[in-house]
Protein backbone atom coordinates (compact mmCIF):
# COMPACT_ATOMS: atom_id res chain seq x y z
CA UNK A 1 -4.06 8.60 -4.99
CA UNK A 2 -6.52 11.44 -5.21
CA UNK A 3 -7.39 14.18 -2.80
CA UNK A 4 -10.62 12.59 -1.86
CA UNK A 5 -9.19 9.39 -0.60
CA UNK A 6 -6.56 11.46 1.60
CA UNK A 7 -9.55 13.20 3.07
CA UNK A 8 -11.34 10.35 4.13
CA UNK A 9 -8.32 8.67 5.73
CA UNK A 10 -5.95 11.00 7.68
CA UNK A 11 -2.42 10.19 6.53
CA UNK A 12 -0.80 10.33 9.81
CA UNK A 13 -3.17 7.54 11.28
CA UNK A 14 -3.66 5.46 8.06
CA UNK A 15 -1.91 4.75 4.80
CA UNK A 16 -3.33 3.52 1.56
CA UNK A 17 -1.75 0.68 -0.29
CA UNK A 18 -2.93 -0.06 -3.81
CA UNK A 19 -0.74 -3.03 -4.74
CA UNK A 20 -2.21 -6.38 -3.52
CA UNK A 21 1.34 -7.99 -3.55
CA UNK A 22 2.47 -5.50 -1.20
CA UNK A 23 -0.54 -5.39 0.96
CA UNK A 24 -0.27 -9.27 1.29
CA UNK A 25 3.41 -8.84 2.63
CA UNK A 26 2.36 -6.24 5.14
CA UNK A 27 -0.25 -8.50 6.36
CA UNK A 28 2.21 -11.36 6.92
CA UNK A 29 4.34 -8.94 8.69
CA UNK A 30 1.51 -8.38 11.14
CA UNK A 31 0.31 -4.95 10.13
CA UNK A 32 -3.36 -4.23 10.48
CA UNK A 33 -5.81 -3.55 7.77
CA UNK A 34 -8.49 -0.69 8.89
CA UNK A 35 -10.56 -1.17 5.61
CA UNK A 36 -10.65 -2.60 2.18
CA UNK A 37 -12.49 -0.73 -0.58
CA UNK A 38 -12.83 -0.55 -4.35
CA UNK A 39 -10.62 2.15 -6.12
CA UNK A 40 -12.76 4.86 -7.25
CA UNK A 41 -13.59 4.94 -10.94
CA UNK A 42 -11.97 1.46 -11.35
CA UNK A 43 -14.38 -1.18 -9.65
CA UNK A 44 -12.27 -4.03 -10.50
CA UNK A 45 -9.11 -2.73 -8.46
CA UNK A 46 -8.90 -2.56 -4.60
CA UNK A 47 -7.25 -0.23 -2.09
CA UNK A 48 -6.05 -1.52 1.21
CA UNK A 49 -6.01 0.92 4.23
CA UNK A 50 -3.51 0.21 6.79
CA UNK A 51 -2.97 1.42 10.16
CA UNK A 52 0.28 3.60 10.30
CA UNK A 53 2.03 2.02 13.38
CA UNK A 54 5.21 0.27 14.44
CA UNK A 55 7.49 1.13 11.63
CA UNK A 56 4.87 0.71 9.06
CA UNK A 57 6.24 3.23 6.63
CA UNK A 58 9.87 1.99 6.71
CA UNK A 59 8.65 -1.50 5.89
CA UNK A 60 6.29 -0.04 3.07
CA UNK A 61 9.32 1.90 1.60
CA UNK A 62 11.42 -1.27 1.90
CA UNK A 63 8.81 -3.22 -0.25
CA UNK A 64 8.34 -0.52 -2.73
CA UNK A 65 12.22 -0.28 -3.26
CA UNK A 66 12.15 -4.12 -3.63
CA UNK A 67 9.56 -3.75 -6.08
CA UNK A 68 11.40 -1.14 -8.30
CA UNK A 69 14.71 -3.15 -8.04
CA UNK A 70 12.97 -6.22 -9.51
CA UNK A 71 11.56 -4.16 -12.39
CA UNK A 72 15.00 -2.63 -13.01
CA UNK A 73 16.55 -6.17 -13.12
CA UNK A 74 13.89 -7.36 -15.75
CA UNK A 75 14.60 -4.35 -17.84
CA UNK A 76 18.10 -5.12 -17.82
CA UNK A 77 17.60 -8.54 -19.23
């Protein structure tokens, strides 16, 4: 994430998620998307701006850790 994106969206109120699979899980959990926009310099990629509320950061951290664990398991095989 670059500084320009952080300036547009205050970190305390919103959080940017760049992985569609994680964004999908967060949406299913009921977290609100504030905005969807193309990633700067990469028009084929999308970033999702979520409202940081109701334990959002904990849930995001859980999903990121799950993703890392899955990658580690694949590397061990």
